[in-house]
PDB file of N, CA and C in Angstrom:
ATOM      1  N   UNK A   1     101.996  93.824  79.408  1.00  0.00           N
ATOM      2  CA  UNK A   1     101.472  94.489  80.552  1.00  0.00           C
ATOM      3  C   UNK A   1     100.204  95.212  80.041  1.00  0.00           C
ATOM      4  N   UNK A   2      99.165  95.157  80.838  1.00  0.00           N
ATOM      5  CA  UNK A   2      97.791  95.703  80.525  1.00  0.00           C
ATOM      6  C   UNK A   2      97.871  97.177  80.567  1.00  0.00           C
ATOM      7  N   UNK A   3      97.114  97.885  79.723  1.00  0.00           N
ATOM      8  CA  UNK A   3      97.058  99.309  79.704  1.00  0.00           C
ATOM      9  C   UNK A   3      95.733  99.721  80.376  1.00  0.00           C
ATOM     10  N   UNK A   4      95.714 100.927  80.881  1.00  0.00           N
ATOM     11  CA  UNK A   4      94.476 101.503  81.481  1.00  0.00           C
ATOM     12  C   UNK A   4      93.397 101.476  80.487  1.00  0.00           C
ATOM     13  N   UNK A   5      92.280 100.949  80.808  1.00  0.00           N
ATOM     14  CA  UNK A   5      91.083 100.911  79.918  1.00  0.00           C
ATOM     15  C   UNK A   5      91.144  99.749  79.017  1.00  0.00           C
ATOM     16  N   UNK A   6      92.035  98.900  79.009  1.00  0.00           N
ATOM     17  CA  UNK A   6      92.081  97.778  78.081  1.00  0.00           C
ATOM     18  C   UNK A   6      91.042  96.705  78.564  1.00  0.00           C
ATOM     19  N   UNK A   7      90.309  96.178  77.632  1.00  0.00           N
ATOM     20  CA  UNK A   7      89.339  95.190  77.930  1.00  0.00           C
ATOM     21  C   UNK A   7      89.662  93.799  77.816  1.00  0.00           C
ATOM     22  N   UNK A   8      89.244  92.898  78.516  1.00  0.00           N
ATOM     23  CA  UNK A   8      89.484  91.462  78.316  1.00  0.00           C
ATOM     24  C   UNK A   8      88.271  90.682  78.015  1.00  0.00           C
ATOM     25  N   UNK A   9      87.833  90.589  76.777  1.00  0.00           N
ATOM     26  CA  UNK A   9      86.584  90.043  76.464  1.00  0.00           C
ATOM     27  C   UNK A   9      86.370  88.518  76.775  1.00  0.00           C
ATOM     28  N   UNK A  10      87.522  87.790  76.935  1.00  0.00           N
ATOM     29  CA  UNK A  10      87.411  86.425  77.239  1.00  0.00           C
ATOM     30  C   UNK A  10      87.034  86.237  78.626  1.00  0.00           C
ATOM     31  N   UNK A  11      87.426  87.071  79.573  1.00  0.00           N
ATOM     32  CA  UNK A  11      86.922  87.005  80.903  1.00  0.00           C
ATOM     33  C   UNK A  11      85.521  87.335  81.061  1.00  0.00           C
ATOM     34  N   UNK A  12      85.122  88.368  80.335  1.00  0.00           N
ATOM     35  CA  UNK A  12      83.561  88.688  80.339  1.00  0.00           C
ATOM     36  C   UNK A  12      82.776  87.578  79.690  1.00  0.00           C
ATOM     37  N   UNK A  13      83.244  86.874  78.772  1.00  0.00           N
ATOM     38  CA  UNK A  13      82.515  85.814  78.165  1.00  0.00           C
ATOM     39  C   UNK A  13      82.308  84.682  79.174  1.00  0.00           C
ATOM     40  N   UNK A  14      83.457  84.361  79.873  1.00  0.00           N
ATOM     41  CA  UNK A  14      83.305  83.299  80.899  1.00  0.00           C
ATOM     42  C   UNK A  14      82.261  83.684  82.025  1.00  0.00           C
ATOM     43  N   UNK A  15      82.191  84.839  82.450  1.00  0.00           N
ATOM     44  CA  UNK A  15      81.302  85.333  83.502  1.00  0.00           C
ATOM     45  C   UNK A  15      79.821  85.166  82.855  1.00  0.00           C
ATOM     46  N   UNK A  16      79.648  85.583  81.623  1.00  0.00           N
ATOM     47  CA  UNK A  16      78.314  85.599  80.990  1.00  0.00           C
ATOM     48  C   UNK A  16      77.818  84.166  80.876  1.00  0.00           C
ATOM     49  N   UNK A  17      78.728  83.283  80.480  1.00  0.00           N
ATOM     50  CA  UNK A  17      78.395  81.859  80.262  1.00  0.00           C
ATOM     51  C   UNK A  17      77.979  81.241  81.593  1.00  0.00           C
ATOM     52  N   UNK A  18      78.760  81.547  82.709  1.00  0.00           N
ATOM     53  CA  UNK A  18      78.460  80.947  84.055  1.00  0.00           C
ATOM     54  C   UNK A  18      77.126  81.567  84.427  1.00  0.00           C
ATOM     55  N   UNK A  19      76.773  82.786  84.270  1.00  0.00           N
ATOM     56  CA  UNK A  19      75.427  83.364  84.712  1.00  0.00           C
ATOM     57  C   UNK A  19      74.393  82.586  83.962  1.00  0.00           C
ATOM     58  N   UNK A  20      74.489  82.482  82.599  1.00  0.00           N
ATOM     59  CA  UNK A  20      73.512  81.741  81.759  1.00  0.00           C
ATOM     60  C   UNK A  20      73.392  80.287  82.318  1.00  0.00           C
ATOM     61  N   UNK A  21      74.428  79.560  82.610  1.00  0.00           N
ATOM     62  CA  UNK A  21      74.285  78.222  83.153  1.00  0.00           C
ATOM     63  C   UNK A  21      73.560  78.189  84.525  1.00  0.00           C
ATOM     64  N   UNK A  22      73.892  79.157  85.391  1.00  0.00           N
ATOM     65  CA  UNK A  22      73.199  79.141  86.698  1.00  0.00           C
ATOM     66  C   UNK A  22      71.647  79.452  86.507  1.00  0.00           C
ATOM     67  N   UNK A  23      71.357  80.361  85.584  1.00  0.00           N
ATOM     68  CA  UNK A  23      69.937  80.660  85.269  1.00  0.00           C
ATOM     69  C   UNK A  23      69.209  79.452  84.735  1.00  0.00           C
ATOM     70  N   UNK A  24      69.806  78.717  83.866  1.00  0.00           N
ATOM     71  CA  UNK A  24      69.303  77.444  83.295  1.00  0.00           C
ATOM     72  C   UNK A  24      69.000  76.382  84.416  1.00  0.00           C
ATOM     73  N   UNK A  25      69.981  76.211  85.315  1.00  0.00           N
ATOM     74  CA  UNK A  25      69.838  75.353  86.357  1.00  0.00           C
ATOM     75  C   UNK A  25      68.604  75.730  87.268  1.00  0.00           C
ATOM     76  N   UNK A  26      68.417  77.045  87.598  1.00  0.00           N
ATOM     77  CA  UNK A  26      67.387  77.489  88.337  1.00  0.00           C
ATOM     78  C   UNK A  26      66.034  77.144  87.778  1.00  0.00           C
ATOM     79  N   UNK A  27      65.996  77.472  86.363  1.00  0.00           N
ATOM     80  CA  UNK A  27      64.700  77.103  85.620  1.00  0.00           C
ATOM     81  C   UNK A  27      64.404  75.607  85.667  1.00  0.00           C
ATOM     82  N   UNK A  28      65.434  74.772  85.505  1.00  0.00           N
ATOM     83  CA  UNK A  28      65.093  73.327  85.460  1.00  0.00           C
ATOM     84  C   UNK A  28      64.703  72.883  86.839  1.00  0.00           C
ATOM     85  N   UNK A  29      65.355  73.394  87.835  1.00  0.00           N
ATOM     86  CA  UNK A  29      64.792  73.010  89.191  1.00  0.00           C
ATOM     87  C   UNK A  29      63.331  73.490  89.409  1.00  0.00           C
ATOM     88  N   UNK A  30      63.008  74.625  89.004  1.00  0.00           N
ATOM     89  CA  UNK A  30      61.565  75.155  89.131  1.00  0.00           C
ATOM     90  C   UNK A  30      60.707  74.122  88.302  1.00  0.00           C
ATOM     91  N   UNK A  31      61.031  73.805  87.160  1.00  0.00           N
ATOM     92  CA  UNK A  31      60.287  72.958  86.364  1.00  0.00           C
ATOM     93  C   UNK A  31      59.968  71.565  87.008  1.00  0.00           C
ATOM     94  N   UNK A  32      61.129  71.004  87.586  1.00  0.00           N
ATOM     95  CA  UNK A  32      61.026  69.728  88.224  1.00  0.00           C
ATOM     96  C   UNK A  32      60.042  69.801  89.550  1.00  0.00           C
ATOM     97  N   UNK A  33      60.160  70.883  90.193  1.00  0.00           N
ATOM     98  CA  UNK A  33      59.357  71.061  91.399  1.00  0.00           C
ATOM     99  C   UNK A  33      57.856  71.216  90.913  1.00  0.00           C
ATOM    100  N   UNK A  34      57.607  72.017  89.880  1.00  0.00           N
ATOM    101  CA  UNK A  34      56.216  72.147  89.423  1.00  0.00           C
ATOM    102  C   UNK A  34      55.666  70.817  88.772  1.00  0.00           C
ATOM    103  N   UNK A  35      56.482  70.005  88.285  1.00  0.00           N
ATOM    104  CA  UNK A  35      56.084  68.728  87.685  1.00  0.00           C
ATOM    105  C   UNK A  35      55.431  67.781  88.665  1.00  0.00           C
ATOM    106  N   UNK A  36      55.985  67.821  89.887  1.00  0.00           N
ATOM    107  CA  UNK A  36      55.422  66.973  90.967  1.00  0.00           C
ATOM    108  C   UNK A  36      54.605  67.626  91.932  1.00  0.00           C
ATOM    109  N   UNK A  37      54.148  68.857  91.609  1.00  0.00           N
ATOM    110  CA  UNK A  37      53.233  69.606  92.535  1.00  0.00           C
ATOM    111  C   UNK A  37      51.916  68.810  92.766  1.00  0.00           C
ATOM    112  N   UNK A  38      51.331  68.271  91.694  1.00  0.00           N
ATOM    113  CA  UNK A  38      50.087  67.537  91.805  1.00  0.00           C
ATOM    114  C   UNK A  38      50.252  66.286  92.880  1.00  0.00           C
ATOM    115  N   UNK A  39      51.374  65.675  92.662  1.00  0.00           N
ATOM    116  CA  UNK A  39      51.582  64.425  93.453  1.00  0.00           C
ATOM    117  C   UNK A  39      51.803  64.951  94.961  1.00  0.00           C
ATOM    118  N   UNK A  40      52.502  65.991  95.280  1.00  0.00           N
ATOM    119  CA  UNK A  40      52.721  66.461  96.610  1.00  0.00           C
ATOM    120  C   UNK A  40      51.350  66.827  97.219  1.00  0.00           C
ATOM    121  N   UNK A  41      50.527  67.496  96.503  1.00  0.00           N
ATOM    122  CA  UNK A  41      49.199  67.982  97.011  1.00  0.00           C
ATOM    123  C   UNK A  41      48.366  66.674  97.296  1.00  0.00           C
ATOM    124  N   UNK A  42      48.387  65.682  96.442  1.00  0.00           N
ATOM    125  CA  UNK A  42      47.686  64.489  96.710  1.00  0.00           C
ATOM    126  C   UNK A  42      48.257  63.608  97.911  1.00  0.00           C
ATOM    127  N   UNK A  43      49.524  63.602  98.067  1.00  0.00           N
ATOM    128  CA  UNK A  43      50.037  62.911  99.307  1.00  0.00           C
ATOM    129  C   UNK A  43      49.657  63.734 100.556  1.00  0.00           C
ATOM    130  N   UNK A  44      49.780  65.079 100.450  1.00  0.00           N
ATOM    131  CA  UNK A  44      49.348  65.845 101.612  1.00  0.00           C
ATOM    132  C   UNK A  44      47.909  65.433 102.047  1.00  0.00           C
ATOM    133  N   UNK A  45      47.079  65.533 101.033  1.00  0.00           N
ATOM    134  CA  UNK A  45      45.610  65.243 101.415  1.00  0.00           C
ATOM    135  C   UNK A  45      45.375  63.906 101.915  1.00  0.00           C
ATOM    136  N   UNK A  46      45.947  62.900 101.300  1.00  0.00           N
ATOM    137  CA  UNK A  46      45.661  61.426 101.588  1.00  0.00           C
ATOM    138  C   UNK A  46      46.278  61.047 102.978  1.00  0.00           C
ATOM    139  N   UNK A  47      47.565  61.508 103.208  1.00  0.00           N
ATOM    140  CA  UNK A  47      48.248  60.990 104.353  1.00  0.00           C
ATOM    141  C   UNK A  47      48.338  62.020 105.491  1.00  0.00           C
ATOM    142  N   UNK A  48      47.811  63.251 105.151  1.00  0.00           N
ATOM    143  CA  UNK A  48      47.887  64.395 106.156  1.00  0.00           C
ATOM    144  C   UNK A  48      49.344  64.662 106.657  1.00  0.00           C
ATOM    145  N   UNK A  49      50.362  64.723 105.735  1.00  0.00           N
ATOM    146  CA  UNK A  49      51.639  65.009 106.080  1.00  0.00           C
ATOM    147  C   UNK A  49      52.142  66.126 105.214  1.00  0.00           C
ATOM    148  N   UNK A  50      53.268  66.823 105.687  1.00  0.00           N
ATOM    149  CA  UNK A  50      53.810  67.926 104.763  1.00  0.00           C
ATOM    150  C   UNK A  50      54.858  67.206 103.917  1.00  0.00           C
ATOM    151  N   UNK A  51      54.730  67.673 102.620  1.00  0.00           N
ATOM    152  CA  UNK A  51      55.719  67.138 101.579  1.00  0.00           C
ATOM    153  C   UNK A  51      56.476  68.171 100.988  1.00  0.00           C
ATOM    154  N   UNK A  52      57.670  67.838 100.484  1.00  0.00           N
ATOM    155  CA  UNK A  52      58.546  68.930  99.760  1.00  0.00           C
ATOM    156  C   UNK A  52      59.338  68.099  98.785  1.00  0.00           C
ATOM    157  N   UNK A  53      59.550  68.605  97.655  1.00  0.00           N
ATOM    158  CA  UNK A  53      60.222  68.071  96.563  1.00  0.00           C
ATOM    159  C   UNK A  53      61.700  68.688  96.472  1.00  0.00           C
ATOM    160  N   UNK A  54      62.630  67.735  96.529  1.00  0.00           N
ATOM    161  CA  UNK A  54      64.034  68.136  96.461  1.00  0.00           C
ATOM    162  C   UNK A  54      64.613  67.757  95.099  1.00  0.00           C
ATOM    163  N   UNK A  55      64.780  68.683  94.107  1.00  0.00           N
ATOM    164  CA  UNK A  55      65.488  68.117  92.917  1.00  0.00           C
ATOM    165  C   UNK A  55      66.989  67.751  93.158  1.00  0.00           C
ATOM    166  N   UNK A  56      67.260  66.622  92.732  1.00  0.00           N
ATOM    167  CA  UNK A  56      68.769  66.161  92.801  1.00  0.00           C
ATOM    168  C   UNK A  56      69.396  66.339  91.470  1.00  0.00           C
ATOM    169  N   UNK A  57      70.591  66.906  91.466  1.00  0.00           N
ATOM    170  CA  UNK A  57      71.343  67.156  90.201  1.00  0.00           C
ATOM    171  C   UNK A  57      72.535  66.149  90.297  1.00  0.00           C
ATOM    172  N   UNK A  58      72.607  65.341  89.298  1.00  0.00           N
ATOM    173  CA  UNK A  58      73.821  64.446  89.194  1.00  0.00           C
ATOM    174  C   UNK A  58      74.637  64.832  88.015  1.00  0.00           C
ATOM    175  N   UNK A  59      75.969  65.251  88.258  1.00  0.00           N
ATOM    176  CA  UNK A  59      76.788  65.715  87.200  1.00  0.00           C
ATOM    177  C   UNK A  59      77.315  64.554  86.263  1.00  0.00           C
ATOM    178  N   UNK A  60      78.038  64.875  85.224  1.00  0.00           N
ATOM    179  CA  UNK A  60      78.533  63.944  84.325  1.00  0.00           C
ATOM    180  C   UNK A  60      79.584  63.028  84.887  1.00  0.00           C
ATOM    181  N   UNK A  61      80.185  63.560  86.021  1.00  0.00           N
ATOM    182  CA  UNK A  61      81.160  62.724  86.683  1.00  0.00           C
ATOM    183  C   UNK A  61      80.528  61.807  87.796  1.00  0.00           C
ATOM    184  N   UNK A  62      79.262  61.920  87.995  1.00  0.00           N
ATOM    185  CA  UNK A  62      78.554  61.158  89.048  1.00  0.00           C
ATOM    186  C   UNK A  62      78.420  61.917  90.306  1.00  0.00           C
ATOM    187  N   UNK A  63      78.935  63.207  90.374  1.00  0.00           N
ATOM    188  CA  UNK A  63      78.749  63.950  91.656  1.00  0.00           C
ATOM    189  C   UNK A  63      77.386  64.376  91.746  1.00  0.00           C
ATOM    190  N   UNK A  64      76.957  64.572  93.014  1.00  0.00           N
ATOM    191  CA  UNK A  64      75.600  65.029  93.396  1.00  0.00           C
ATOM    192  C   UNK A  64      75.645  66.495  93.696  1.00  0.00           C
TER     193      UNK A  64
END
């Protein structure tokens, strides 16, 4: 039985790891969008259409 004030470091570690993974995913998405920024600007100018980059993430199991 847990005592009052007892800490569970394993639970905290899991939360911290999940937050770090989410931050890494956000950074990777931003890098992918910036990588194709020149291309989107060129397409907008040449074809006079709106463009948007959608980064697609495919997991190790093949899920999108």
